[in-house]
Amino acid sequence: MRSFSMDAIPQVALLTRTSKSVAKKKLDGFIGQGYGIYSGAKVQWAKLRFFEEQACWVSRELWHPQEKSTVHKGGPLILEVPFTDIRELSMDILRQGRHVEVMRSREIKVEVVELIKGDP
């Protein structure tokens, strides 16, 4: 099995052969664990704090079906999301600019800092 972003499909074609059916449990085990299009067996959790100017927007988004969020009235939003690969999650964190703080995991903090600095 493979997963990919819908915007990565340049064209579609109708095929005559039948597609392979995959049980929901197997599919959820493949793609349902981590954040975004990446899969993997080792699930970790990121904890992010969104400051009040961005918290109202992020609170209306679904980052992951298993996310946990706590909204503090007039203040920050704490969002916890599972991930198996940091690539897509780190891009979405960077998209928030100065309005987000990575509280956990160290791996994501390091990745985000390296991306900001332009380190390979």
PDB file of N, CA and C in Angstrom:
ATOM      1  N   MET A   1       0.837  -1.184   0.000  1.00  0.00           N
ATOM      2  CA  MET A   1       0.000   0.000   0.000  1.00  0.00           C
ATOM      3  C   MET A   1       0.878   1.243   0.000  1.00  0.00           C
ATOM      4  N   ARG A   2       0.352   2.296  -0.556  1.00  0.00           N
ATOM      5  CA  ARG A   2       1.026   3.589  -0.562  1.00  0.00           C
ATOM      6  C   ARG A   2      -0.005   4.666  -0.259  1.00  0.00           C
ATOM      7  N   SER A   3       0.455   5.764   0.325  1.00  0.00           N
ATOM      8  CA  SER A   3      -0.422   6.910   0.518  1.00  0.00           C
ATOM      9  C   SER A   3       0.251   8.123  -0.091  1.00  0.00           C
ATOM     10  N   PHE A   4      -0.558   9.073  -0.500  1.00  0.00           N
ATOM     11  CA  PHE A   4      -0.031  10.271  -1.142  1.00  0.00           C
ATOM     12  C   PHE A   4      -1.062  11.380  -1.039  1.00  0.00           C
ATOM     13  N   SER A   5      -0.601  12.574  -1.252  1.00  0.00           N
ATOM     14  CA  SER A   5      -1.470  13.736  -1.212  1.00  0.00           C
ATOM     15  C   SER A   5      -2.260  13.823  -2.520  1.00  0.00           C
ATOM     16  N   MET A   6      -3.530  14.167  -2.427  1.00  0.00           N
ATOM     17  CA  MET A   6      -4.368  14.266  -3.622  1.00  0.00           C
ATOM     18  C   MET A   6      -3.819  15.270  -4.632  1.00  0.00           C
ATOM     19  N   ASP A   7      -3.170  16.342  -4.159  1.00  0.00           N
ATOM     20  CA  ASP A   7      -2.645  17.332  -5.090  1.00  0.00           C
ATOM     21  C   ASP A   7      -1.402  16.835  -5.827  1.00  0.00           C
ATOM     22  N   ALA A   8      -0.942  15.621  -5.500  1.00  0.00           N
ATOM     23  CA  ALA A   8       0.206  15.035  -6.196  1.00  0.00           C
ATOM     24  C   ALA A   8      -0.226  14.229  -7.425  1.00  0.00           C
ATOM     25  N   ILE A   9      -1.530  14.130  -7.656  1.00  0.00           N
ATOM     26  CA  ILE A   9      -2.037  13.368  -8.800  1.00  0.00           C
ATOM     27  C   ILE A   9      -2.151  14.311 -10.004  1.00  0.00           C
ATOM     28  N   PRO A  10      -1.270  14.141 -11.003  1.00  0.00           N
ATOM     29  CA  PRO A  10      -1.311  15.054 -12.150  1.00  0.00           C
ATOM     30  C   PRO A  10      -2.453  14.756 -13.123  1.00  0.00           C
ATOM     31  N   GLN A  11      -2.902  13.493 -13.189  1.00  0.00           N
ATOM     32  CA  GLN A  11      -4.011  13.134 -14.075  1.00  0.00           C
ATOM     33  C   GLN A  11      -4.604  11.813 -13.607  1.00  0.00           C
ATOM     34  N   VAL A  12      -5.795  11.527 -14.064  1.00  0.00           N
ATOM     35  CA  VAL A  12      -6.460  10.281 -13.714  1.00  0.00           C
ATOM     36  C   VAL A  12      -6.867   9.551 -14.976  1.00  0.00           C
ATOM     37  N   ALA A  13      -7.015   8.245 -14.851  1.00  0.00           N
ATOM     38  CA  ALA A  13      -7.478   7.437 -15.981  1.00  0.00           C
ATOM     39  C   ALA A  13      -8.360   6.332 -15.435  1.00  0.00           C
ATOM     40  N   LEU A  14      -9.405   6.014 -16.164  1.00  0.00           N
ATOM     41  CA  LEU A  14     -10.316   4.944 -15.790  1.00  0.00           C
ATOM     42  C   LEU A  14      -9.720   3.629 -16.264  1.00  0.00           C
ATOM     43  N   LEU A  15      -9.576   2.685 -15.335  1.00  0.00           N
ATOM     44  CA  LEU A  15      -9.012   1.381 -15.667  1.00  0.00           C
ATOM     45  C   LEU A  15     -10.115   0.332 -15.753  1.00  0.00           C
ATOM     46  N   THR A  16      -9.865  -0.702 -16.506  1.00  0.00           N
ATOM     47  CA  THR A  16     -10.862  -1.768 -16.633  1.00  0.00           C
ATOM     48  C   THR A  16     -10.690  -2.848 -15.571  1.00  0.00           C
ATOM     49  N   ARG A  17      -9.528  -2.936 -14.981  1.00  0.00           N
ATOM     50  CA  ARG A  17      -9.316  -3.973 -13.959  1.00  0.00           C
ATOM     51  C   ARG A  17      -9.893  -3.525 -12.614  1.00  0.00           C
ATOM     52  N   THR A  18     -10.206  -4.494 -11.786  1.00  0.00           N
ATOM     53  CA  THR A  18     -10.799  -4.236 -10.474  1.00  0.00           C
ATOM     54  C   THR A  18      -9.711  -3.873  -9.470  1.00  0.00           C
ATOM     55  N   SER A  19     -10.025  -2.914  -8.626  1.00  0.00           N
ATOM     56  CA  SER A  19      -9.070  -2.544  -7.588  1.00  0.00           C
ATOM     57  C   SER A  19      -9.085  -3.590  -6.478  1.00  0.00           C
ATOM     58  N   LYS A  20      -8.016  -3.630  -5.709  1.00  0.00           N
ATOM     59  CA  LYS A  20      -7.901  -4.584  -4.609  1.00  0.00           C
ATOM     60  C   LYS A  20      -8.603  -4.013  -3.386  1.00  0.00           C
ATOM     61  N   SER A  21      -9.430  -4.820  -2.758  1.00  0.00           N
ATOM     62  CA  SER A  21     -10.103  -4.397  -1.524  1.00  0.00           C
ATOM     63  C   SER A  21      -9.174  -4.622  -0.340  1.00  0.00           C
ATOM     64  N   VAL A  22      -9.183  -3.668   0.577  1.00  0.00           N
ATOM     65  CA  VAL A  22      -8.362  -3.743   1.788  1.00  0.00           C
ATOM     66  C   VAL A  22      -9.292  -3.546   2.974  1.00  0.00           C
ATOM     67  N   ALA A  23      -9.175  -4.422   3.960  1.00  0.00           N
ATOM     68  CA  ALA A  23     -10.014  -4.313   5.152  1.00  0.00           C
ATOM     69  C   ALA A  23      -9.754  -2.995   5.863  1.00  0.00           C
ATOM     70  N   LYS A  24     -10.807  -2.395   6.408  1.00  0.00           N
ATOM     71  CA  LYS A  24     -10.692  -1.102   7.094  1.00  0.00           C
ATOM     72  C   LYS A  24      -9.664  -1.155   8.217  1.00  0.00           C
ATOM     73  N   LYS A  25      -9.637  -2.237   8.972  1.00  0.00           N
ATOM     74  CA  LYS A  25      -8.696  -2.360  10.081  1.00  0.00           C
ATOM     75  C   LYS A  25      -7.251  -2.320   9.572  1.00  0.00           C
ATOM     76  N   LYS A  26      -6.989  -3.002   8.469  1.00  0.00           N
ATOM     77  CA  LYS A  26      -5.640  -3.005   7.893  1.00  0.00           C
ATOM     78  C   LYS A  26      -5.281  -1.618   7.350  1.00  0.00           C
ATOM     79  N   LEU A  27      -6.235  -0.982   6.699  1.00  0.00           N
ATOM     80  CA  LEU A  27      -6.005   0.359   6.162  1.00  0.00           C
ATOM     81  C   LEU A  27      -5.761   1.366   7.282  1.00  0.00           C
ATOM     82  N   ASP A  28      -6.581   1.315   8.341  1.00  0.00           N
ATOM     83  CA  ASP A  28      -6.389   2.218   9.475  1.00  0.00           C
ATOM     84  C   ASP A  28      -5.037   1.994  10.141  1.00  0.00           C
ATOM     85  N   GLY A  29      -4.609   0.732  10.200  1.00  0.00           N
ATOM     86  CA  GLY A  29      -3.301   0.422  10.772  1.00  0.00           C
ATOM     87  C   GLY A  29      -2.163   0.955   9.933  1.00  0.00           C
ATOM     88  N   PHE A  30      -2.405   1.098   8.628  1.00  0.00           N
ATOM     89  CA  PHE A  30      -1.370   1.601   7.728  1.00  0.00           C
ATOM     90  C   PHE A  30      -1.303   3.122   7.712  1.00  0.00           C
ATOM     91  N   ILE A  31      -2.443   3.771   7.553  1.00  0.00           N
ATOM     92  CA  ILE A  31      -2.419   5.231   7.411  1.00  0.00           C
ATOM     93  C   ILE A  31      -3.043   5.998   8.569  1.00  0.00           C
ATOM     94  N   GLY A  32      -3.774   5.326   9.433  1.00  0.00           N
ATOM     95  CA  GLY A  32      -4.522   6.041  10.457  1.00  0.00           C
ATOM     96  C   GLY A  32      -3.731   6.433  11.685  1.00  0.00           C
ATOM     97  N   GLN A  33      -2.524   5.940  11.839  1.00  0.00           N
ATOM     98  CA  GLN A  33      -1.772   6.170  13.063  1.00  0.00           C
ATOM     99  C   GLN A  33      -1.104   7.540  13.119  1.00  0.00           C
ATOM    100  N   GLY A  34      -0.392   7.884  12.077  1.00  0.00           N
ATOM    101  CA  GLY A  34       0.427   9.087  12.104  1.00  0.00           C
ATOM    102  C   GLY A  34      -0.238  10.293  11.485  1.00  0.00           C
ATOM    103  N   TYR A  35       0.513  11.352  11.435  1.00  0.00           N
ATOM    104  CA  TYR A  35       0.030  12.633  10.937  1.00  0.00           C
ATOM    105  C   TYR A  35       0.253  12.723   9.422  1.00  0.00           C
ATOM    106  N   GLY A  36      -0.754  13.166   8.701  1.00  0.00           N
ATOM    107  CA  GLY A  36      -0.602  13.400   7.268  1.00  0.00           C
ATOM    108  C   GLY A  36      -0.524  12.120   6.455  1.00  0.00           C
ATOM    109  N   ILE A  37       0.250  12.171   5.384  1.00  0.00           N
ATOM    110  CA  ILE A  37       0.305  11.042   4.460  1.00  0.00           C
ATOM    111  C   ILE A  37       1.319   9.989   4.860  1.00  0.00           C
ATOM    112  N   TYR A  38       2.087  10.243   5.881  1.00  0.00           N
ATOM    113  CA  TYR A  38       3.148   9.306   6.270  1.00  0.00           C
ATOM    114  C   TYR A  38       2.638   8.250   7.233  1.00  0.00           C
ATOM    115  N   SER A  39       3.124   7.037   7.038  1.00  0.00           N
ATOM    116  CA  SER A  39       2.731   5.936   7.909  1.00  0.00           C
ATOM    117  C   SER A  39       3.959   5.371   8.597  1.00  0.00           C
ATOM    118  N   GLY A  40       3.715   4.534   9.571  1.00  0.00           N
ATOM    119  CA  GLY A  40       4.804   3.908  10.295  1.00  0.00           C
ATOM    120  C   GLY A  40       4.273   3.234  11.546  1.00  0.00           C
ATOM    121  N   ALA A  41       5.081   2.382  12.113  1.00  0.00           N
ATOM    122  CA  ALA A  41       4.640   1.610  13.273  1.00  0.00           C
ATOM    123  C   ALA A  41       4.881   2.348  14.592  1.00  0.00           C
ATOM    124  N   LYS A  42       5.896   3.195  14.653  1.00  0.00           N
ATOM    125  CA  LYS A  42       6.249   3.869  15.905  1.00  0.00           C
ATOM    126  C   LYS A  42       5.512   5.210  16.007  1.00  0.00           C
ATOM    127  N   VAL A  43       4.439   5.210  16.775  1.00  0.00           N
ATOM    128  CA  VAL A  43       3.632   6.425  16.932  1.00  0.00           C
ATOM    129  C   VAL A  43       4.173   7.232  18.105  1.00  0.00           C
ATOM    130  N   GLN A  44       4.413   8.520  17.851  1.00  0.00           N
ATOM    131  CA  GLN A  44       4.819   9.466  18.889  1.00  0.00           C
ATOM    132  C   GLN A  44       3.767  10.572  18.934  1.00  0.00           C
ATOM    133  N   TRP A  45       3.823  11.377  19.975  1.00  0.00           N
ATOM    134  CA  TRP A  45       2.867  12.471  20.104  1.00  0.00           C
ATOM    135  C   TRP A  45       3.590  13.805  20.167  1.00  0.00           C
ATOM    136  N   ALA A  46       3.098  14.751  19.389  1.00  0.00           N
ATOM    137  CA  ALA A  46       3.592  16.126  19.439  1.00  0.00           C
ATOM    138  C   ALA A  46       2.621  16.940  20.286  1.00  0.00           C
ATOM    139  N   LYS A  47       3.155  17.897  21.014  1.00  0.00           N
ATOM    140  CA  LYS A  47       2.324  18.804  21.811  1.00  0.00           C
ATOM    141  C   LYS A  47       2.676  20.219  21.393  1.00  0.00           C
ATOM    142  N   LEU A  48       1.672  20.945  20.911  1.00  0.00           N
ATOM    143  CA  LEU A  48       1.878  22.285  20.362  1.00  0.00           C
ATOM    144  C   LEU A  48       1.014  23.296  21.112  1.00  0.00           C
ATOM    145  N   ARG A  49       1.573  24.480  21.326  1.00  0.00           N
ATOM    146  CA  ARG A  49       0.818  25.576  21.946  1.00  0.00           C
ATOM    147  C   ARG A  49       0.633  26.661  20.882  1.00  0.00           C
ATOM    148  N   PHE A  50      -0.629  26.965  20.602  1.00  0.00           N
ATOM    149  CA  PHE A  50      -0.955  28.029  19.654  1.00  0.00           C
ATOM    150  C   PHE A  50      -1.385  29.243  20.452  1.00  0.00           C
ATOM    151  N   PHE A  51      -0.771  30.367  20.186  1.00  0.00           N
ATOM    152  CA  PHE A  51      -1.069  31.583  20.916  1.00  0.00           C
ATOM    153  C   PHE A  51      -2.390  32.175  20.443  1.00  0.00           C
ATOM    154  N   GLU A  52      -2.974  33.020  21.280  1.00  0.00           N
ATOM    155  CA  GLU A  52      -4.368  33.401  21.117  1.00  0.00           C
ATOM    156  C   GLU A  52      -4.748  33.924  19.737  1.00  0.00           C
ATOM    157  N   GLU A  53      -3.879  34.649  19.059  1.00  0.00           N
ATOM    158  CA  GLU A  53      -4.269  35.170  17.751  1.00  0.00           C
ATOM    159  C   GLU A  53      -4.448  34.068  16.713  1.00  0.00           C
ATOM    160  N   GLN A  54      -3.816  32.925  16.892  1.00  0.00           N
ATOM    161  CA  GLN A  54      -3.950  31.808  15.959  1.00  0.00           C
ATOM    162  C   GLN A  54      -4.833  30.704  16.532  1.00  0.00           C
ATOM    163  N   ALA A  55      -4.977  30.653  17.843  1.00  0.00           N
ATOM    164  CA  ALA A  55      -5.720  29.571  18.512  1.00  0.00           C
ATOM    165  C   ALA A  55      -7.154  29.451  18.014  1.00  0.00           C
ATOM    166  N   CYS A  56      -7.818  30.561  17.769  1.00  0.00           N
ATOM    167  CA  CYS A  56      -9.214  30.493  17.333  1.00  0.00           C
ATOM    168  C   CYS A  56      -9.344  29.818  15.971  1.00  0.00           C
ATOM    169  N   TRP A  57      -8.356  29.999  15.109  1.00  0.00           N
ATOM    170  CA  TRP A  57      -8.395  29.374  13.782  1.00  0.00           C
ATOM    171  C   TRP A  57      -8.051  27.895  13.865  1.00  0.00           C
ATOM    172  N   VAL A  58      -7.005  27.583  14.596  1.00  0.00           N
ATOM    173  CA  VAL A  58      -6.555  26.193  14.707  1.00  0.00           C
ATOM    174  C   VAL A  58      -7.603  25.338  15.415  1.00  0.00           C
ATOM    175  N   SER A  59      -8.334  25.923  16.352  1.00  0.00           N
ATOM    176  CA  SER A  59      -9.352  25.162  17.084  1.00  0.00           C
ATOM    177  C   SER A  59     -10.468  24.671  16.166  1.00  0.00           C
ATOM    178  N   ARG A  60     -10.618  25.277  15.012  1.00  0.00           N
ATOM    179  CA  ARG A  60     -11.668  24.887  14.061  1.00  0.00           C
ATOM    180  C   ARG A  60     -11.165  23.885  13.020  1.00  0.00           C
ATOM    181  N   GLU A  61      -9.867  23.584  13.062  1.00  0.00           N
ATOM    182  CA  GLU A  61      -9.281  22.654  12.094  1.00  0.00           C
ATOM    183  C   GLU A  61      -9.166  21.262  12.708  1.00  0.00           C
ATOM    184  N   LEU A  62      -9.190  20.247  11.857  1.00  0.00           N
ATOM    185  CA  LEU A  62      -8.927  18.883  12.295  1.00  0.00           C
ATOM    186  C   LEU A  62      -7.542  18.510  11.759  1.00  0.00           C
ATOM    187  N   TRP A  63      -6.577  18.401  12.646  1.00  0.00           N
ATOM    188  CA  TRP A  63      -5.226  18.029  12.259  1.00  0.00           C
ATOM    189  C   TRP A  63      -5.107  16.513  12.164  1.00  0.00           C
ATOM    190  N   HIS A  64      -5.805  15.809  13.033  1.00  0.00           N
ATOM    191  CA  HIS A  64      -5.775  14.342  13.038  1.00  0.00           C
ATOM    192  C   HIS A  64      -7.020  13.845  13.772  1.00  0.00           C
ATOM    193  N   PRO A  65      -7.626  12.722  13.312  1.00  0.00           N
ATOM    194  CA  PRO A  65      -8.839  12.227  13.979  1.00  0.00           C
ATOM    195  C   PRO A  65      -8.641  11.889  15.460  1.00  0.00           C
ATOM    196  N   GLN A  66      -7.424  11.566  15.881  1.00  0.00           N
ATOM    197  CA  GLN A  66      -7.168  11.217  17.276  1.00  0.00           C
ATOM    198  C   GLN A  66      -6.562  12.374  18.081  1.00  0.00           C
ATOM    199  N   GLU A  67      -6.576  13.563  17.524  1.00  0.00           N
ATOM    200  CA  GLU A  67      -5.976  14.707  18.219  1.00  0.00           C
ATOM    201  C   GLU A  67      -6.664  14.979  19.548  1.00  0.00           C
ATOM    202  N   LYS A  68      -5.914  15.609  20.430  1.00  0.00           N
ATOM    203  CA  LYS A  68      -6.453  16.044  21.725  1.00  0.00           C
ATOM    204  C   LYS A  68      -6.185  17.540  21.809  1.00  0.00           C
ATOM    205  N   SER A  69      -7.218  18.309  22.107  1.00  0.00           N
ATOM    206  CA  SER A  69      -7.007  19.750  22.201  1.00  0.00           C
ATOM    207  C   SER A  69      -7.678  20.314  23.445  1.00  0.00           C
ATOM    208  N   THR A  70      -7.036  21.345  23.980  1.00  0.00           N
ATOM    209  CA  THR A  70      -7.547  22.053  25.141  1.00  0.00           C
ATOM    210  C   THR A  70      -7.515  23.533  24.800  1.00  0.00           C
ATOM    211  N   VAL A  71      -8.664  24.157  24.844  1.00  0.00           N
ATOM    212  CA  VAL A  71      -8.756  25.581  24.544  1.00  0.00           C
ATOM    213  C   VAL A  71      -8.856  26.336  25.859  1.00  0.00           C
ATOM    214  N   HIS A  72      -7.986  27.291  26.051  1.00  0.00           N
ATOM    215  CA  HIS A  72      -8.017  28.142  27.236  1.00  0.00           C
ATOM    216  C   HIS A  72      -8.694  29.458  26.843  1.00  0.00           C
ATOM    217  N   LYS A  73      -9.775  29.788  27.482  1.00  0.00           N
ATOM    218  CA  LYS A  73     -10.575  30.969  27.125  1.00  0.00           C
ATOM    219  C   LYS A  73      -9.692  32.222  27.049  1.00  0.00           C
ATOM    220  N   GLY A  74      -9.726  32.849  25.876  1.00  0.00           N
ATOM    221  CA  GLY A  74      -8.959  34.069  25.661  1.00  0.00           C
ATOM    222  C   GLY A  74      -7.457  33.852  25.650  1.00  0.00           C
ATOM    223  N   GLY A  75      -7.036  32.621  25.568  1.00  0.00           N
ATOM    224  CA  GLY A  75      -5.604  32.333  25.622  1.00  0.00           C
ATOM    225  C   GLY A  75      -5.199  31.269  24.636  1.00  0.00           C
ATOM    226  N   PRO A  76      -4.172  30.518  24.980  1.00  0.00           N
ATOM    227  CA  PRO A  76      -3.621  29.564  24.032  1.00  0.00           C
ATOM    228  C   PRO A  76      -4.470  28.295  23.874  1.00  0.00           C
ATOM    229  N   LEU A  77      -4.203  27.605  22.785  1.00  0.00           N
ATOM    230  CA  LEU A  77      -4.767  26.287  22.498  1.00  0.00           C
ATOM    231  C   LEU A  77      -3.622  25.292  22.591  1.00  0.00           C
ATOM    232  N   ILE A  78      -3.812  24.226  23.329  1.00  0.00           N
ATOM    233  CA  ILE A  78      -2.826  23.152  23.401  1.00  0.00           C
ATOM    234  C   ILE A  78      -3.359  22.025  22.521  1.00  0.00           C
ATOM    235  N   LEU A  79      -2.578  21.628  21.535  1.00  0.00           N
ATOM    236  CA  LEU A  79      -2.972  20.590  20.594  1.00  0.00           C
ATOM    237  C   LEU A  79      -1.948  19.466  20.635  1.00  0.00           C
ATOM    238  N   GLU A  80      -2.439  18.243  20.808  1.00  0.00           N
ATOM    239  CA  GLU A  80      -1.582  17.065  20.781  1.00  0.00           C
ATOM    240  C   GLU A  80      -1.997  16.215  19.590  1.00  0.00           C
ATOM    241  N   VAL A  81      -1.030  15.848  18.757  1.00  0.00           N
ATOM    242  CA  VAL A  81      -1.309  15.043  17.569  1.00  0.00           C
ATOM    243  C   VAL A  81      -0.303  13.895  17.464  1.00  0.00           C
ATOM    244  N   PRO A  82      -0.783  12.726  17.010  1.00  0.00           N
ATOM    245  CA  PRO A  82       0.134  11.611  16.810  1.00  0.00           C
ATOM    246  C   PRO A  82       0.878  11.769  15.490  1.00  0.00           C
ATOM    247  N   PHE A  83       2.109  11.275  15.458  1.00  0.00           N
ATOM    248  CA  PHE A  83       2.869  11.291  14.212  1.00  0.00           C
ATOM    249  C   PHE A  83       3.801  10.097  14.174  1.00  0.00           C
ATOM    250  N   THR A  84       4.135   9.682  12.964  1.00  0.00           N
ATOM    251  CA  THR A  84       5.099   8.602  12.770  1.00  0.00           C
ATOM    252  C   THR A  84       6.291   9.079  11.961  1.00  0.00           C
ATOM    253  N   ASP A  85       6.154  10.241  11.340  1.00  0.00           N
ATOM    254  CA  ASP A  85       7.197  10.830  10.512  1.00  0.00           C
ATOM    255  C   ASP A  85       7.064  12.344  10.663  1.00  0.00           C
ATOM    256  N   ILE A  86       8.168  13.035  10.886  1.00  0.00           N
ATOM    257  CA  ILE A  86       8.077  14.463  11.214  1.00  0.00           C
ATOM    258  C   ILE A  86       7.949  15.395  10.013  1.00  0.00           C
ATOM    259  N   ARG A  87       8.124  14.893   8.804  1.00  0.00           N
ATOM    260  CA  ARG A  87       8.186  15.782   7.635  1.00  0.00           C
ATOM    261  C   ARG A  87       6.950  16.644   7.437  1.00  0.00           C
ATOM    262  N   GLU A  88       5.787  16.052   7.314  1.00  0.00           N
ATOM    263  CA  GLU A  88       4.588  16.846   7.041  1.00  0.00           C
ATOM    264  C   GLU A  88       4.175  17.681   8.250  1.00  0.00           C
ATOM    265  N   LEU A  89       4.298  17.117   9.438  1.00  0.00           N
ATOM    266  CA  LEU A  89       3.944  17.856  10.646  1.00  0.00           C
ATOM    267  C   LEU A  89       4.837  19.084  10.818  1.00  0.00           C
ATOM    268  N   SER A  90       6.131  18.947  10.574  1.00  0.00           N
ATOM    269  CA  SER A  90       7.028  20.097  10.731  1.00  0.00           C
ATOM    270  C   SER A  90       6.684  21.200   9.727  1.00  0.00           C
ATOM    271  N   MET A  91       6.263  20.836   8.516  1.00  0.00           N
ATOM    272  CA  MET A  91       5.855  21.854   7.538  1.00  0.00           C
ATOM    273  C   MET A  91       4.613  22.599   8.002  1.00  0.00           C
ATOM    274  N   ASP A  92       3.652  21.868   8.584  1.00  0.00           N
ATOM    275  CA  ASP A  92       2.438  22.523   9.066  1.00  0.00           C
ATOM    276  C   ASP A  92       2.711  23.401  10.283  1.00  0.00           C
ATOM    277  N   ILE A  93       3.666  23.007  11.102  1.00  0.00           N
ATOM    278  CA  ILE A  93       4.066  23.854  12.238  1.00  0.00           C
ATOM    279  C   ILE A  93       4.698  25.141  11.726  1.00  0.00           C
ATOM    280  N   LEU A  94       5.588  25.034  10.759  1.00  0.00           N
ATOM    281  CA  LEU A  94       6.245  26.223  10.207  1.00  0.00           C
ATOM    282  C   LEU A  94       5.242  27.171   9.555  1.00  0.00           C
ATOM    283  N   ARG A  95       4.181  26.623   9.015  1.00  0.00           N
ATOM    284  CA  ARG A  95       3.144  27.435   8.370  1.00  0.00           C
ATOM    285  C   ARG A  95       2.467  28.377   9.372  1.00  0.00           C
ATOM    286  N   GLN A  96       2.548  28.039  10.660  1.00  0.00           N
ATOM    287  CA  GLN A  96       1.925  28.851  11.700  1.00  0.00           C
ATOM    288  C   GLN A  96       2.807  30.008  12.165  1.00  0.00           C
ATOM    289  N   GLY A  97       4.059  30.017  11.732  1.00  0.00           N
ATOM    290  CA  GLY A  97       4.970  31.109  12.072  1.00  0.00           C
ATOM    291  C   GLY A  97       5.194  31.249  13.573  1.00  0.00           C
ATOM    292  N   ARG A  98       5.239  32.479  14.021  1.00  0.00           N
ATOM    293  CA  ARG A  98       5.536  32.770  15.429  1.00  0.00           C
ATOM    294  C   ARG A  98       4.359  32.498  16.357  1.00  0.00           C
ATOM    295  N   HIS A  99       3.253  32.011  15.824  1.00  0.00           N
ATOM    296  CA  HIS A  99       2.039  31.796  16.612  1.00  0.00           C
ATOM    297  C   HIS A  99       1.964  30.415  17.256  1.00  0.00           C
ATOM    298  N   VAL A 100       3.025  29.611  17.107  1.00  0.00           N
ATOM    299  CA  VAL A 100       3.015  28.257  17.665  1.00  0.00           C
ATOM    300  C   VAL A 100       4.336  27.973  18.366  1.00  0.00           C
ATOM    301  N   GLU A 101       4.249  27.180  19.419  1.00  0.00           N
ATOM    302  CA  GLU A 101       5.434  26.715  20.143  1.00  0.00           C
ATOM    303  C   GLU A 101       5.369  25.196  20.207  1.00  0.00           C
ATOM    304  N   VAL A 102       6.467  24.536  19.879  1.00  0.00           N
ATOM    305  CA  VAL A 102       6.547  23.081  20.012  1.00  0.00           C
ATOM    306  C   VAL A 102       6.910  22.779  21.457  1.00  0.00           C
ATOM    307  N   MET A 103       5.986  22.174  22.169  1.00  0.00           N
ATOM    308  CA  MET A 103       6.210  21.841  23.572  1.00  0.00           C
ATOM    309  C   MET A 103       6.812  20.437  23.719  1.00  0.00           C
ATOM    310  N   ARG A 104       6.448  19.551  22.826  1.00  0.00           N
ATOM    311  CA  ARG A 104       6.953  18.188  22.839  1.00  0.00           C
ATOM    312  C   ARG A 104       6.869  17.663  21.421  1.00  0.00           C
ATOM    313  N   SER A 105       7.636  17.047  20.809  1.00  0.00           N
ATOM    314  CA  SER A 105       8.776  16.211  21.126  1.00  0.00           C
ATOM    315  C   SER A 105      10.073  16.930  20.750  1.00  0.00           C
ATOM    316  N   ARG A 106      11.135  16.514  21.356  1.00  0.00           N
ATOM    317  CA  ARG A 106      12.446  17.099  21.067  1.00  0.00           C
ATOM    318  C   ARG A 106      12.799  16.936  19.589  1.00  0.00           C
ATOM    319  N   GLU A 107      12.459  15.796  19.024  1.00  0.00           N
ATOM    320  CA  GLU A 107      12.745  15.530  17.607  1.00  0.00           C
ATOM    321  C   GLU A 107      12.101  16.587  16.703  1.00  0.00           C
ATOM    322  N   ILE A 108      10.880  16.963  17.005  1.00  0.00           N
ATOM    323  CA  ILE A 108      10.204  17.979  16.187  1.00  0.00           C
ATOM    324  C   ILE A 108      10.807  19.355  16.431  1.00  0.00           C
ATOM    325  N   LYS A 109      11.111  19.682  17.685  1.00  0.00           N
ATOM    326  CA  LYS A 109      11.753  20.971  17.978  1.00  0.00           C
ATOM    327  C   LYS A 109      13.029  21.133  17.169  1.00  0.00           C
ATOM    328  N   VAL A 110      13.873  20.108  17.181  1.00  0.00           N
ATOM    329  CA  VAL A 110      15.146  20.157  16.450  1.00  0.00           C
ATOM    330  C   VAL A 110      14.895  20.309  14.957  1.00  0.00           C
ATOM    331  N   GLU A 111      13.966  19.556  14.414  1.00  0.00           N
ATOM    332  CA  GLU A 111      13.656  19.622  12.980  1.00  0.00           C
ATOM    333  C   GLU A 111      13.174  21.014  12.580  1.00  0.00           C
ATOM    334  N   VAL A 112      12.269  21.598  13.368  1.00  0.00           N
ATOM    335  CA  VAL A 112      11.730  22.916  13.043  1.00  0.00           C
ATOM    336  C   VAL A 112      12.834  23.973  13.091  1.00  0.00           C
ATOM    337  N   VAL A 113      13.674  23.930  14.107  1.00  0.00           N
ATOM    338  CA  VAL A 113      14.781  24.883  14.212  1.00  0.00           C
ATOM    339  C   VAL A 113      15.729  24.734  13.024  1.00  0.00           C
ATOM    340  N   GLU A 114      16.049  23.503  12.654  1.00  0.00           N
ATOM    341  CA  GLU A 114      16.944  23.281  11.512  1.00  0.00           C
ATOM    342  C   GLU A 114      16.328  23.810  10.214  1.00  0.00           C
ATOM    343  N   LEU A 115      15.032  23.601  10.040  1.00  0.00           N
ATOM    344  CA  LEU A 115      14.375  24.119   8.837  1.00  0.00           C
ATOM    345  C   LEU A 115      14.367  25.638   8.797  1.00  0.00           C
ATOM    346  N   ILE A 116      14.152  26.270   9.955  1.00  0.00           N
ATOM    347  CA  ILE A 116      14.177  27.737  10.019  1.00  0.00           C
ATOM    348  C   ILE A 116      15.575  28.271   9.684  1.00  0.00           C
ATOM    349  N   LYS A 117      16.585  27.618  10.246  1.00  0.00           N
ATOM    350  CA  LYS A 117      17.973  28.057  10.017  1.00  0.00           C
ATOM    351  C   LYS A 117      18.466  27.725   8.610  1.00  0.00           C
ATOM    352  N   GLY A 118      17.760  26.790   7.952  1.00  0.00           N
ATOM    353  CA  GLY A 118      18.190  26.381   6.617  1.00  0.00           C
ATOM    354  C   GLY A 118      19.245  25.288   6.651  1.00  0.00           C
ATOM    355  N   ASP A 119      19.375  24.603   7.797  1.00  0.00           N
ATOM    356  CA  ASP A 119      20.335  23.504   7.912  1.00  0.00           C
ATOM    357  C   ASP A 119      19.783  22.291   7.157  1.00  0.00           C
ATOM    358  N   PRO A 120      20.663  21.581   6.453  1.00  0.00           N
ATOM    359  CA  PRO A 120      20.188  20.380   5.734  1.00  0.00           C
ATOM    360  C   PRO A 120      19.873  19.243   6.675  1.00  0.00           C
TER     361      PRO A 120
END
